[in-house]
PDB file of N, CA and C in Angstrom:
ATOM      1  N   MET A   1       0.741  -1.236   0.040  1.00  0.00           N
ATOM      2  CA  MET A   1       0.061  -0.096   0.007  1.00  0.00           C
ATOM      3  C   MET A   1       0.680   1.190  -0.181  1.00  0.00           C
ATOM      4  N   PHE A   2       1.452   1.586   1.161  1.00  0.00           N
ATOM      5  CA  PHE A   2       2.261   2.546   1.194  1.00  0.00           C
ATOM      6  C   PHE A   2       4.036   2.441   0.950  1.00  0.00           C
ATOM      7  N   HIS A   3       4.666   3.233   0.518  1.00  0.00           N
ATOM      8  CA  HIS A   3       5.966   2.788   0.452  1.00  0.00           C
ATOM      9  C   HIS A   3       6.879   3.568   1.301  1.00  0.00           C
ATOM     10  N   LEU A   4       6.810   3.377   2.581  1.00  0.00           N
ATOM     11  CA  LEU A   4       7.471   4.065   3.622  1.00  0.00           C
ATOM     12  C   LEU A   4       9.007   3.391   3.780  1.00  0.00           C
ATOM     13  N   GLU A   5       9.777   2.495   3.605  1.00  0.00           N
ATOM     14  CA  GLU A   5      10.690   1.968   4.023  1.00  0.00           C
ATOM     15  C   GLU A   5      11.968   2.998   3.305  1.00  0.00           C
ATOM     16  N   GLY A   6      11.794   3.985   2.527  1.00  0.00           N
ATOM     17  CA  GLY A   6      12.746   4.916   2.290  1.00  0.00           C
ATOM     18  C   GLY A   6      12.992   5.747   3.720  1.00  0.00           C
ATOM     19  N   PHE A   7      11.975   6.074   4.797  1.00  0.00           N
ATOM     20  CA  PHE A   7      11.857   6.625   5.558  1.00  0.00           C
ATOM     21  C   PHE A   7      12.556   6.474   6.991  1.00  0.00           C
ATOM     22  N   THR A   8      12.857   4.706   6.703  1.00  0.00           N
ATOM     23  CA  THR A   8      13.686   4.157   7.883  1.00  0.00           C
ATOM     24  C   THR A   8      14.386   4.947   8.687  1.00  0.00           C
ATOM     25  N   GLY A   9      15.373   5.388   7.689  1.00  0.00           N
ATOM     26  CA  GLY A   9      16.485   5.971   8.514  1.00  0.00           C
ATOM     27  C   GLY A   9      15.930   7.199   9.493  1.00  0.00           C
ATOM     28  N   TYR A  10      15.350   8.269   9.041  1.00  0.00           N
ATOM     29  CA  TYR A  10      14.835   9.134   9.845  1.00  0.00           C
ATOM     30  C   TYR A  10      13.636   8.805  10.714  1.00  0.00           C
ATOM     31  N   GLY A  11      13.126   7.712  10.751  1.00  0.00           N
ATOM     32  CA  GLY A  11      12.275   6.888  11.840  1.00  0.00           C
ATOM     33  C   GLY A  11      13.380   6.528  13.034  1.00  0.00           C
ATOM     34  N   LEU A  12      14.424   5.817  12.414  1.00  0.00           N
ATOM     35  CA  LEU A  12      15.574   5.353  13.447  1.00  0.00           C
ATOM     36  C   LEU A  12      16.021   6.826  14.184  1.00  0.00           C
ATOM     37  N   LEU A  13      16.373   7.741  13.265  1.00  0.00           N
ATOM     38  CA  LEU A  13      17.008   8.918  14.035  1.00  0.00           C
ATOM     39  C   LEU A  13      16.033   9.746  15.056  1.00  0.00           C
ATOM     40  N   LEU A  14      14.843   9.489  14.573  1.00  0.00           N
ATOM     41  CA  LEU A  14      13.960   9.984  15.670  1.00  0.00           C
ATOM     42  C   LEU A  14      13.643   9.328  16.845  1.00  0.00           C
ATOM     43  N   LEU A  15      13.842   8.007  16.518  1.00  0.00           N
ATOM     44  CA  LEU A  15      13.602   7.248  17.870  1.00  0.00           C
ATOM     45  C   LEU A  15      15.021   7.239  18.870  1.00  0.00           C
ATOM     46  N   ARG A  16      16.374   7.422  18.015  1.00  0.00           N
ATOM     47  CA  ARG A  16      17.474   7.876  19.124  1.00  0.00           C
ATOM     48  C   ARG A  16      17.361   9.063  19.344  1.00  0.00           C
ATOM     49  N   ILE A  17      16.900   9.848  18.822  1.00  0.00           N
ATOM     50  CA  ILE A  17      16.759  11.472  19.306  1.00  0.00           C
ATOM     51  C   ILE A  17      15.346  11.220  20.666  1.00  0.00           C
ATOM     52  N   MET A  18      14.945  10.366  20.818  1.00  0.00           N
ATOM     53  CA  MET A  18      13.651  10.879  21.691  1.00  0.00           C
ATOM     54  C   MET A  18      14.205   9.815  22.824  1.00  0.00           C
ATOM     55  N   VAL A  19      14.906   8.408  22.220  1.00  0.00           N
ATOM     56  CA  VAL A  19      15.175   7.555  23.770  1.00  0.00           C
ATOM     57  C   VAL A  19      16.831   8.393  23.975  1.00  0.00           C
ATOM     58  N   GLY A  20      17.564   9.205  23.704  1.00  0.00           N
ATOM     59  CA  GLY A  20      18.436   9.933  24.320  1.00  0.00           C
ATOM     60  C   GLY A  20      18.090  10.889  25.005  1.00  0.00           C
ATOM     61  N   VAL A  21      16.999  11.877  24.734  1.00  0.00           N
ATOM     62  CA  VAL A  21      16.639  13.042  25.547  1.00  0.00           C
ATOM     63  C   VAL A  21      15.614  12.531  26.872  1.00  0.00           C
ATOM     64  N   ILE A  22      15.374  11.164  27.007  1.00  0.00           N
ATOM     65  CA  ILE A  22      14.924  10.737  28.062  1.00  0.00           C
ATOM     66  C   ILE A  22      15.873  10.200  28.900  1.00  0.00           C
ATOM     67  N   TYR A  23      17.092   9.387  28.432  1.00  0.00           N
ATOM     68  CA  TYR A  23      18.279   9.431  29.303  1.00  0.00           C
ATOM     69  C   TYR A  23      19.106  10.482  29.433  1.00  0.00           C
ATOM     70  N   ALA A  24      19.184  11.324  28.868  1.00  0.00           N
ATOM     71  CA  ALA A  24      20.065  12.832  28.957  1.00  0.00           C
ATOM     72  C   ALA A  24      19.500  13.435  30.466  1.00  0.00           C
ATOM     73  N   GLY A  25      18.150  13.857  30.049  1.00  0.00           N
ATOM     74  CA  GLY A  25      17.194  14.043  30.929  1.00  0.00           C
ATOM     75  C   GLY A  25      17.281  13.439  32.878  1.00  0.00           C
ATOM     76  N   SER A  26      17.384  12.590  32.572  1.00  0.00           N
ATOM     77  CA  SER A  26      17.333  11.328  33.531  1.00  0.00           C
ATOM     78  C   SER A  26      18.409  11.621  34.400  1.00  0.00           C
ATOM     79  N   GLY A  27      19.761  11.406  33.546  1.00  0.00           N
ATOM     80  CA  GLY A  27      21.086  11.645  34.205  1.00  0.00           C
ATOM     81  C   GLY A  27      21.428  13.210  34.749  1.00  0.00           C
ATOM     82  N   TYR A  28      20.745  14.068  34.086  1.00  0.00           N
ATOM     83  CA  TYR A  28      21.034  15.308  34.392  1.00  0.00           C
ATOM     84  C   TYR A  28      20.453  15.587  36.002  1.00  0.00           C
ATOM     85  N   ASN A  29      18.929  15.218  35.773  1.00  0.00           N
ATOM     86  CA  ASN A  29      18.059  15.310  36.868  1.00  0.00           C
ATOM     87  C   ASN A  29      18.844  14.604  37.998  1.00  0.00           C
ATOM     88  N   ASP A  30      19.854  13.318  37.960  1.00  0.00           N
ATOM     89  CA  ASP A  30      20.306  12.566  39.213  1.00  0.00           C
ATOM     90  C   ASP A  30      21.292  13.341  39.582  1.00  0.00           C
ATOM     91  N   LEU A  31      22.001  13.978  38.796  1.00  0.00           N
ATOM     92  CA  LEU A  31      23.079  14.729  38.959  1.00  0.00           C
ATOM     93  C   LEU A  31      23.267  15.991  39.674  1.00  0.00           C
ATOM     94  N   LYS A  32      21.623  16.371  39.479  1.00  0.00           N
ATOM     95  CA  LYS A  32      21.127  18.085  40.156  1.00  0.00           C
ATOM     96  C   LYS A  32      21.220  17.707  41.298  1.00  0.00           C
ATOM     97  N   ASN A  33      20.910  16.594  42.115  1.00  0.00           N
ATOM     98  CA  ASN A  33      20.712  16.141  43.873  1.00  0.00           C
ATOM     99  C   ASN A  33      21.117  14.552  43.925  1.00  0.00           C
ATOM    100  N   PRO A  34      22.571  14.454  43.876  1.00  0.00           N
ATOM    101  CA  PRO A  34      22.837  13.029  43.639  1.00  0.00           C
ATOM    102  C   PRO A  34      22.573  12.276  45.684  1.00  0.00           C
ATOM    103  N   ASP A  35      22.587  13.217  46.340  1.00  0.00           N
ATOM    104  CA  ASP A  35      22.324  12.768  47.606  1.00  0.00           C
ATOM    105  C   ASP A  35      21.028  12.255  47.751  1.00  0.00           C
ATOM    106  N   GLN A  36      19.797  12.943  47.325  1.00  0.00           N
ATOM    107  CA  GLN A  36      18.521  12.571  47.378  1.00  0.00           C
ATOM    108  C   GLN A  36      18.160  11.326  46.386  1.00  0.00           C
ATOM    109  N   ARG A  37      18.585  11.621  45.171  1.00  0.00           N
ATOM    110  CA  ARG A  37      18.648  10.467  44.294  1.00  0.00           C
ATOM    111  C   ARG A  37      19.369   9.102  44.928  1.00  0.00           C
ATOM    112  N   ALA A  38      20.285   9.082  45.378  1.00  0.00           N
ATOM    113  CA  ALA A  38      20.895   7.721  46.333  1.00  0.00           C
ATOM    114  C   ALA A  38      20.031   7.183  47.227  1.00  0.00           C
ATOM    115  N   LYS A  39      19.580   8.254  47.988  1.00  0.00           N
ATOM    116  CA  LYS A  39      18.397   8.087  49.176  1.00  0.00           C
ATOM    117  C   LYS A  39      17.266   7.401  48.538  1.00  0.00           C
ATOM    118  N   ASN A  40      16.681   8.309  47.567  1.00  0.00           N
ATOM    119  CA  ASN A  40      15.455   7.815  47.067  1.00  0.00           C
ATOM    120  C   ASN A  40      15.685   6.045  46.669  1.00  0.00           C
ATOM    121  N   VAL A  41      16.497   5.725  45.988  1.00  0.00           N
ATOM    122  CA  VAL A  41      16.528   3.988  45.129  1.00  0.00           C
ATOM    123  C   VAL A  41      17.508   3.539  46.027  1.00  0.00           C
ATOM    124  N   GLY A  42      17.929   3.954  46.953  1.00  0.00           N
ATOM    125  CA  GLY A  42      18.723   3.020  47.860  1.00  0.00           C
ATOM    126  C   GLY A  42      20.089   2.619  47.359  1.00  0.00           C
ATOM    127  N   LEU A  43      21.014   3.444  46.874  1.00  0.00           N
ATOM    128  CA  LEU A  43      22.311   3.237  46.372  1.00  0.00           C
ATOM    129  C   LEU A  43      23.391   4.031  46.574  1.00  0.00           C
ATOM    130  N   PRO A  44      24.643   3.508  47.077  1.00  0.00           N
ATOM    131  CA  PRO A  44      25.608   4.560  47.334  1.00  0.00           C
ATOM    132  C   PRO A  44      25.466   6.156  45.995  1.00  0.00           C
ATOM    133  N   LYS A  45      25.717   7.166  46.832  1.00  0.00           N
ATOM    134  CA  LYS A  45      26.106   8.246  46.257  1.00  0.00           C
ATOM    135  C   LYS A  45      26.750   7.775  45.028  1.00  0.00           C
ATOM    136  N   SER A  46      28.268   7.199  45.027  1.00  0.00           N
ATOM    137  CA  SER A  46      29.086   7.578  44.449  1.00  0.00           C
ATOM    138  C   SER A  46      28.618   6.553  43.063  1.00  0.00           C
ATOM    139  N   LEU A  47      27.745   5.355  43.301  1.00  0.00           N
ATOM    140  CA  LEU A  47      27.116   4.580  42.147  1.00  0.00           C
ATOM    141  C   LEU A  47      26.168   5.533  41.391  1.00  0.00           C
ATOM    142  N   THR A  48      25.234   6.030  42.085  1.00  0.00           N
ATOM    143  CA  THR A  48      24.199   7.199  41.474  1.00  0.00           C
ATOM    144  C   THR A  48      24.716   8.048  40.826  1.00  0.00           C
ATOM    145  N   ILE A  49      26.044   8.804  40.839  1.00  0.00           N
ATOM    146  CA  ILE A  49      26.579   9.205  40.161  1.00  0.00           C
ATOM    147  C   ILE A  49      26.638   8.922  39.100  1.00  0.00           C
ATOM    148  N   PHE A  50      27.614   7.621  39.019  1.00  0.00           N
ATOM    149  CA  PHE A  50      27.992   6.951  38.105  1.00  0.00           C
ATOM    150  C   PHE A  50      27.017   6.677  36.871  1.00  0.00           C
ATOM    151  N   ILE A  51      26.057   6.049  37.600  1.00  0.00           N
ATOM    152  CA  ILE A  51      25.058   5.825  36.633  1.00  0.00           C
ATOM    153  C   ILE A  51      24.152   6.826  35.973  1.00  0.00           C
ATOM    154  N   ALA A  52      24.349   7.789  36.290  1.00  0.00           N
ATOM    155  CA  ALA A  52      23.761   9.457  35.950  1.00  0.00           C
ATOM    156  C   ALA A  52      24.618   9.862  34.839  1.00  0.00           C
ATOM    157  N   VAL A  53      26.076   9.727  34.840  1.00  0.00           N
ATOM    158  CA  VAL A  53      26.932  10.096  34.279  1.00  0.00           C
ATOM    159  C   VAL A  53      27.069   8.934  32.811  1.00  0.00           C
ATOM    160  N   ALA A  54      26.850   8.006  32.996  1.00  0.00           N
ATOM    161  CA  ALA A  54      26.770   6.893  31.901  1.00  0.00           C
ATOM    162  C   ALA A  54      25.606   7.088  31.025  1.00  0.00           C
ATOM    163  N   GLU A  55      24.385   7.276  31.721  1.00  0.00           N
ATOM    164  CA  GLU A  55      22.920   7.926  30.853  1.00  0.00           C
ATOM    165  C   GLU A  55      23.031   9.030  29.986  1.00  0.00           C
ATOM    166  N   ILE A  56      23.983  10.088  30.822  1.00  0.00           N
ATOM    167  CA  ILE A  56      24.384  11.134  29.809  1.00  0.00           C
ATOM    168  C   ILE A  56      25.174  11.000  28.511  1.00  0.00           C
ATOM    169  N   ALA A  57      26.160  10.036  28.821  1.00  0.00           N
ATOM    170  CA  ALA A  57      27.114   9.742  27.849  1.00  0.00           C
ATOM    171  C   ALA A  57      26.654   8.564  26.923  1.00  0.00           C
ATOM    172  N   GLY A  58      25.635   7.623  27.393  1.00  0.00           N
ATOM    173  CA  GLY A  58      24.864   7.030  26.280  1.00  0.00           C
ATOM    174  C   GLY A  58      23.975   7.568  25.691  1.00  0.00           C
ATOM    175  N   ALA A  59      22.921   8.759  26.264  1.00  0.00           N
ATOM    176  CA  ALA A  59      22.656   9.580  25.663  1.00  0.00           C
ATOM    177  C   ALA A  59      23.219  10.207  24.111  1.00  0.00           C
ATOM    178  N   ALA A  60      23.802  10.914  24.696  1.00  0.00           N
ATOM    179  CA  ALA A  60      25.166  11.667  23.706  1.00  0.00           C
ATOM    180  C   ALA A  60      25.832  10.352  22.403  1.00  0.00           C
ATOM    181  N   GLY A  61      25.775   9.454  22.875  1.00  0.00           N
ATOM    182  CA  GLY A  61      26.149   8.845  21.634  1.00  0.00           C
ATOM    183  C   GLY A  61      25.306   7.841  20.953  1.00  0.00           C
ATOM    184  N   ILE A  62      23.714   8.019  21.559  1.00  0.00           N
ATOM    185  CA  ILE A  62      22.753   7.533  20.553  1.00  0.00           C
ATOM    186  C   ILE A  62      22.179   8.587  20.095  1.00  0.00           C
ATOM    187  N   ILE A  63      21.905   9.456  20.414  1.00  0.00           N
ATOM    188  CA  ILE A  63      21.496  10.936  19.575  1.00  0.00           C
ATOM    189  C   ILE A  63      22.183  11.171  18.404  1.00  0.00           C
ATOM    190  N   LEU A  64      23.930  11.076  18.626  1.00  0.00           N
ATOM    191  CA  LEU A  64      24.681  11.886  17.671  1.00  0.00           C
ATOM    192  C   LEU A  64      25.118  10.691  16.729  1.00  0.00           C
ATOM    193  N   GLY A  65      24.985   9.128  17.244  1.00  0.00           N
ATOM    194  CA  GLY A  65      25.120   8.120  16.080  1.00  0.00           C
ATOM    195  C   GLY A  65      26.296   8.034  16.420  1.00  0.00           C
ATOM    196  N   ILE A  66      27.087   7.930  17.518  1.00  0.00           N
ATOM    197  CA  ILE A  66      28.648   7.716  17.807  1.00  0.00           C
ATOM    198  C   ILE A  66      28.336   6.205  18.419  1.00  0.00           C
ATOM    199  N   LEU A  67      28.975   5.064  18.286  1.00  0.00           N
ATOM    200  CA  LEU A  67      29.222   4.054  18.867  1.00  0.00           C
ATOM    201  C   LEU A  67      27.823   3.935  19.623  1.00  0.00           C
ATOM    202  N   GLN A  68      26.950   3.669  18.679  1.00  0.00           N
ATOM    203  CA  GLN A  68      25.343   3.702  19.265  1.00  0.00           C
ATOM    204  C   GLN A  68      24.811   2.597  19.885  1.00  0.00           C
ATOM    205  N   GLN A  69      25.458   1.513  19.047  1.00  0.00           N
ATOM    206  CA  GLN A  69      24.937  -0.222  19.578  1.00  0.00           C
ATOM    207  C   GLN A  69      26.082  -0.245  20.987  1.00  0.00           C
ATOM    208  N   LEU A  70      27.157   0.359  21.159  1.00  0.00           N
ATOM    209  CA  LEU A  70      27.823   0.473  22.466  1.00  0.00           C
ATOM    210  C   LEU A  70      26.797   0.833  23.455  1.00  0.00           C
ATOM    211  N   ALA A  71      26.388   1.733  23.079  1.00  0.00           N
ATOM    212  CA  ALA A  71      25.827   2.907  23.923  1.00  0.00           C
ATOM    213  C   ALA A  71      24.519   2.480  24.266  1.00  0.00           C
ATOM    214  N   ALA A  72      23.794   1.991  23.582  1.00  0.00           N
ATOM    215  CA  ALA A  72      22.434   0.927  23.860  1.00  0.00           C
ATOM    216  C   ALA A  72      22.507   0.263  24.457  1.00  0.00           C
ATOM    217  N   ILE A  73      23.779  -0.596  24.414  1.00  0.00           N
ATOM    218  CA  ILE A  73      23.762  -2.172  25.152  1.00  0.00           C
ATOM    219  C   ILE A  73      23.944  -1.664  26.883  1.00  0.00           C
ATOM    220  N   GLY A  74      24.883  -0.610  27.153  1.00  0.00           N
ATOM    221  CA  GLY A  74      25.233   0.096  28.039  1.00  0.00           C
ATOM    222  C   GLY A  74      24.027   0.481  28.770  1.00  0.00           C
ATOM    223  N   LEU A  75      23.095   1.363  28.291  1.00  0.00           N
ATOM    224  CA  LEU A  75      21.682   1.962  28.661  1.00  0.00           C
ATOM    225  C   LEU A  75      20.864   0.230  29.118  1.00  0.00           C
ATOM    226  N   ILE A  76      21.151  -0.565  27.902  1.00  0.00           N
ATOM    227  CA  ILE A  76      20.122  -1.743  28.529  1.00  0.00           C
ATOM    228  C   ILE A  76      20.784  -2.206  30.097  1.00  0.00           C
ATOM    229  N   VAL A  77      21.989  -2.457  29.907  1.00  0.00           N
ATOM    230  CA  VAL A  77      22.808  -2.598  31.447  1.00  0.00           C
ATOM    231  C   VAL A  77      21.828  -2.215  32.607  1.00  0.00           C
ATOM    232  N   ILE A  78      22.086  -0.857  32.502  1.00  0.00           N
ATOM    233  CA  ILE A  78      21.519   0.231  33.655  1.00  0.00           C
ATOM    234  C   ILE A  78      19.907  -0.131  33.683  1.00  0.00           C
ATOM    235  N   MET A  79      19.079  -0.491  32.458  1.00  0.00           N
ATOM    236  CA  MET A  79      17.629  -0.617  33.201  1.00  0.00           C
ATOM    237  C   MET A  79      17.487  -1.702  33.527  1.00  0.00           C
ATOM    238  N   GLY A  80      18.133  -2.827  33.136  1.00  0.00           N
ATOM    239  CA  GLY A  80      18.136  -4.151  33.498  1.00  0.00           C
ATOM    240  C   GLY A  80      18.511  -4.059  34.991  1.00  0.00           C
ATOM    241  N   GLY A  81      19.456  -2.968  35.626  1.00  0.00           N
ATOM    242  CA  GLY A  81      19.367  -2.885  37.151  1.00  0.00           C
ATOM    243  C   GLY A  81      18.258  -2.273  37.715  1.00  0.00           C
ATOM    244  N   ALA A  82      17.500  -1.697  36.892  1.00  0.00           N
ATOM    245  CA  ALA A  82      16.193  -0.633  37.648  1.00  0.00           C
ATOM    246  C   ALA A  82      15.468  -1.848  37.570  1.00  0.00           C
ATOM    247  N   ILE A  83      14.876  -2.350  36.462  1.00  0.00           N
ATOM    248  CA  ILE A  83      13.782  -3.758  36.621  1.00  0.00           C
ATOM    249  C   ILE A  83      14.109  -4.552  37.893  1.00  0.00           C
ATOM    250  N   HIS A  84      15.427  -5.117  37.373  1.00  0.00           N
ATOM    251  CA  HIS A  84      15.755  -5.785  38.601  1.00  0.00           C
ATOM    252  C   HIS A  84      15.308  -5.258  39.945  1.00  0.00           C
ATOM    253  N   ARG A  85      15.973  -4.166  40.302  1.00  0.00           N
ATOM    254  CA  ARG A  85      15.669  -3.251  41.624  1.00  0.00           C
ATOM    255  C   ARG A  85      13.894  -3.264  41.792  1.00  0.00           C
ATOM    256  N   LYS A  86      12.989  -3.024  40.753  1.00  0.00           N
ATOM    257  CA  LYS A  86      11.573  -2.663  40.948  1.00  0.00           C
ATOM    258  C   LYS A  86      11.163  -4.040  41.139  1.00  0.00           C
ATOM    259  N   MET A  87      11.392  -5.173  40.650  1.00  0.00           N
ATOM    260  CA  MET A  87      10.832  -5.873  40.571  1.00  0.00           C
ATOM    261  C   MET A  87      11.111  -7.244  41.836  1.00  0.00           C
ATOM    262  N   PHE A  88      12.442  -7.220  42.293  1.00  0.00           N
ATOM    263  CA  PHE A  88      12.945  -7.815  43.151  1.00  0.00           C
ATOM    264  C   PHE A  88      13.251  -7.067  44.696  1.00  0.00           C
ATOM    265  N   VAL A  89      13.661  -5.996  44.604  1.00  0.00           N
ATOM    266  CA  VAL A  89      13.506  -5.577  45.935  1.00  0.00           C
ATOM    267  C   VAL A  89      12.520  -4.499  46.332  1.00  0.00           C
ATOM    268  N   TRP A  90      11.905  -3.932  45.394  1.00  0.00           N
ATOM    269  CA  TRP A  90      10.763  -3.102  45.862  1.00  0.00           C
ATOM    270  C   TRP A  90       9.633  -4.046  45.813  1.00  0.00           C
ATOM    271  N   LYS A  91       9.171  -4.859  45.002  1.00  0.00           N
ATOM    272  CA  LYS A  91       8.438  -5.837  44.667  1.00  0.00           C
ATOM    273  C   LYS A  91       7.345  -5.142  44.329  1.00  0.00           C
ATOM    274  N   THR A  92       8.065  -4.316  43.077  1.00  0.00           N
ATOM    275  CA  THR A  92       6.878  -3.744  42.332  1.00  0.00           C
ATOM    276  C   THR A  92       6.400  -4.717  40.717  1.00  0.00           C
ATOM    277  N   GLY A  93       4.912  -4.588  40.803  1.00  0.00           N
ATOM    278  CA  GLY A  93       4.339  -4.927  39.697  1.00  0.00           C
ATOM    279  C   GLY A  93       4.540  -4.562  38.216  1.00  0.00           C
ATOM    280  N   PHE A  94       4.277  -5.341  37.567  1.00  0.00           N
ATOM    281  CA  PHE A  94       4.269  -4.549  35.938  1.00  0.00           C
ATOM    282  C   PHE A  94       3.909  -2.946  35.874  1.00  0.00           C
ATOM    283  N   TRP A  95       2.334  -3.269  36.241  1.00  0.00           N
ATOM    284  CA  TRP A  95       1.887  -1.611  36.247  1.00  0.00           C
ATOM    285  C   TRP A  95       2.435  -0.908  37.400  1.00  0.00           C
ATOM    286  N   GLY A  96       2.687  -1.826  38.729  1.00  0.00           N
ATOM    287  CA  GLY A  96       2.974  -0.921  39.822  1.00  0.00           C
ATOM    288  C   GLY A  96       1.946  -0.332  40.852  1.00  0.00           C
ATOM    289  N   LYS A  97       2.245   0.258  41.415  1.00  0.00           N
ATOM    290  CA  LYS A  97       1.225   1.255  42.498  1.00  0.00           C
ATOM    291  C   LYS A  97       1.417   2.897  41.888  1.00  0.00           C
ATOM    292  N   ASP A  98       0.346   3.435  41.414  1.00  0.00           N
ATOM    293  CA  ASP A  98       0.469   4.587  40.712  1.00  0.00           C
ATOM    294  C   ASP A  98       0.589   4.849  39.498  1.00  0.00           C
ATOM    295  N   GLY A  99       1.342   3.611  38.747  1.00  0.00           N
ATOM    296  CA  GLY A  99       1.536   3.819  37.705  1.00  0.00           C
ATOM    297  C   GLY A  99       3.130   3.406  37.726  1.00  0.00           C
ATOM    298  N   LEU A 100       3.593   3.296  38.826  1.00  0.00           N
ATOM    299  CA  LEU A 100       4.904   3.482  38.885  1.00  0.00           C
ATOM    300  C   LEU A 100       5.637   1.861  38.974  1.00  0.00           C
ATOM    301  N   GLY A 101       5.383   1.016  37.970  1.00  0.00           N
ATOM    302  CA  GLY A 101       5.757  -0.268  37.630  1.00  0.00           C
ATOM    303  C   GLY A 101       7.018  -0.547  36.482  1.00  0.00           C
ATOM    304  N   TRP A 102       7.327  -1.680  35.801  1.00  0.00           N
ATOM    305  CA  TRP A 102       8.584  -1.697  35.225  1.00  0.00           C
ATOM    306  C   TRP A 102       8.134  -1.577  33.886  1.00  0.00           C
ATOM    307  N   TYR A 103       6.794  -1.286  33.434  1.00  0.00           N
ATOM    308  CA  TYR A 103       6.638  -1.184  31.953  1.00  0.00           C
ATOM    309  C   TYR A 103       7.314  -0.546  30.899  1.00  0.00           C
ATOM    310  N   TYR A 104       7.641   0.893  32.074  1.00  0.00           N
ATOM    311  CA  TYR A 104       8.008   1.963  31.298  1.00  0.00           C
ATOM    312  C   TYR A 104       9.563   1.607  30.821  1.00  0.00           C
ATOM    313  N   ASP A 105      10.081   0.662  31.810  1.00  0.00           N
ATOM    314  CA  ASP A 105      11.226   0.624  31.476  1.00  0.00           C
ATOM    315  C   ASP A 105      11.881  -0.365  30.545  1.00  0.00           C
ATOM    316  N   LEU A 106      10.673  -1.377  30.589  1.00  0.00           N
ATOM    317  CA  LEU A 106      10.955  -2.645  29.608  1.00  0.00           C
ATOM    318  C   LEU A 106      10.487  -1.737  27.952  1.00  0.00           C
ATOM    319  N   THR A 107       9.748  -0.958  28.016  1.00  0.00           N
ATOM    320  CA  THR A 107       9.309  -0.333  26.963  1.00  0.00           C
ATOM    321  C   THR A 107      10.711   0.468  26.326  1.00  0.00           C
ATOM    322  N   LEU A 108      11.572   0.995  27.433  1.00  0.00           N
ATOM    323  CA  LEU A 108      12.931   1.795  26.828  1.00  0.00           C
ATOM    324  C   LEU A 108      13.743   0.672  26.118  1.00  0.00           C
ATOM    325  N   VAL A 109      13.737  -0.277  26.951  1.00  0.00           N
ATOM    326  CA  VAL A 109      14.554  -1.557  26.648  1.00  0.00           C
ATOM    327  C   VAL A 109      14.552  -2.097  25.004  1.00  0.00           C
ATOM    328  N   SER A 110      13.194  -2.002  24.937  1.00  0.00           N
ATOM    329  CA  SER A 110      12.810  -2.161  23.769  1.00  0.00           C
ATOM    330  C   SER A 110      13.317  -1.447  22.353  1.00  0.00           C
ATOM    331  N   ALA A 111      12.971  -0.229  22.881  1.00  0.00           N
ATOM    332  CA  ALA A 111      13.514   0.939  22.054  1.00  0.00           C
ATOM    333  C   ALA A 111      15.039   0.680  21.789  1.00  0.00           C
ATOM    334  N   LEU A 112      15.961   0.629  22.968  1.00  0.00           N
ATOM    335  CA  LEU A 112      17.046   0.165  22.755  1.00  0.00           C
ATOM    336  C   LEU A 112      17.602  -0.884  21.907  1.00  0.00           C
ATOM    337  N   LEU A 113      16.748  -2.030  22.190  1.00  0.00           N
ATOM    338  CA  LEU A 113      16.959  -3.190  21.382  1.00  0.00           C
ATOM    339  C   LEU A 113      16.832  -2.670  19.717  1.00  0.00           C
ATOM    340  N   VAL A 114      15.893  -2.150  19.587  1.00  0.00           N
ATOM    341  CA  VAL A 114      16.117  -1.694  18.030  1.00  0.00           C
ATOM    342  C   VAL A 114      17.027  -0.885  17.628  1.00  0.00           C
ATOM    343  N   ILE A 115      17.806  -0.290  18.348  1.00  0.00           N
ATOM    344  CA  ILE A 115      19.061   0.238  18.246  1.00  0.00           C
ATOM    345  C   ILE A 115      19.818  -0.280  17.756  1.00  0.00           C
ATOM    346  N   VAL A 116      20.092  -1.662  18.845  1.00  0.00           N
ATOM    347  CA  VAL A 116      21.425  -2.219  18.766  1.00  0.00           C
ATOM    348  C   VAL A 116      21.274  -2.951  17.555  1.00  0.00           C
ATOM    349  N   PHE A 117      19.808  -3.530  17.012  1.00  0.00           N
ATOM    350  CA  PHE A 117      19.671  -4.577  16.083  1.00  0.00           C
ATOM    351  C   PHE A 117      19.966  -4.047  14.620  1.00  0.00           C
ATOM    352  N   THR A 118      19.607  -2.634  15.042  1.00  0.00           N
ATOM    353  CA  THR A 118      19.596  -1.907  13.000  1.00  0.00           C
ATOM    354  C   THR A 118      21.287  -0.684  13.218  1.00  0.00           C
ATOM    355  N   ASP A 119      21.667  -1.133  14.329  1.00  0.00           N
ATOM    356  CA  ASP A 119      22.929  -0.320  14.301  1.00  0.00           C
ATOM    357  C   ASP A 119      22.350   1.578  14.092  1.00  0.00           C
ATOM    358  N   GLY A 120      21.035   1.834  14.892  1.00  0.00           N
ATOM    359  CA  GLY A 120      21.033   3.358  14.875  1.00  0.00           C
ATOM    360  C   GLY A 120      20.378   3.514  13.229  1.00  0.00           C
ATOM    361  N   GLY A 121      20.460   2.561  12.411  1.00  0.00           N
ATOM    362  CA  GLY A 121      19.755   3.198  10.931  1.00  0.00           C
ATOM    363  C   GLY A 121      21.159   3.929  10.292  1.00  0.00           C
ATOM    364  N   SER A 122      20.532   4.851   9.186  1.00  0.00           N
ATOM    365  CA  SER A 122      21.542   5.160   8.175  1.00  0.00           C
ATOM    366  C   SER A 122      22.354   6.502   8.474  1.00  0.00           C
ATOM    367  N   LEU A 123      21.483   7.003   9.643  1.00  0.00           N
ATOM    368  CA  LEU A 123      21.888   8.358   9.578  1.00  0.00           C
ATOM    369  C   LEU A 123      22.538   8.688  10.813  1.00  0.00           C
ATOM    370  N   VAL A 124      23.724   7.890  10.819  1.00  0.00           N
ATOM    371  CA  VAL A 124      24.923   8.170  12.312  1.00  0.00           C
ATOM    372  C   VAL A 124      26.198   8.379  11.853  1.00  0.00           C
ATOM    373  N   VAL A 125      26.990   9.043  12.819  1.00  0.00           N
ATOM    374  CA  VAL A 125      28.321   9.663  12.397  1.00  0.00           C
ATOM    375  C   VAL A 125      29.532   8.454  12.407  1.00  0.00           C
ATOM    376  N   MET A 126      29.235   7.436  13.149  1.00  0.00           N
ATOM    377  CA  MET A 126      30.401   6.445  13.579  1.00  0.00           C
ATOM    378  C   MET A 126      29.599   4.986  13.620  1.00  0.00           C
ATOM    379  N   ARG A 127      29.787   4.345  12.993  1.00  0.00           N
ATOM    380  CA  ARG A 127      29.511   2.877  13.574  1.00  0.00           C
ATOM    381  C   ARG A 127      30.427   2.067  14.336  1.00  0.00           C
TER     382      ARG A 127
END
């Protein structure tokens, strides 16, 4: 019916930008008050800062298309930790209480897997 495969690169670029903005914002917010963030998630401050910096670095790689597969894999590892914490430490269900489940995290992992499997599409700086 429609022949839209010519726009795949643009669609993947938009996906990379949106995922990158989410992670950059998350990392930035965590760095604004690492003491409070560490307390909220129950992690040491140093690990909280490391994760925040990794989120920002991963976001930059994904948005700019520089080693985007490696950046996406790194963010998948971070999300794996978040999902593990929500499922097994906090005992949060898929939807969670007040919508704070791990469905959102799993959605981001799915988007990151698309980036890994497609190498971010054709509109990248460096593979």
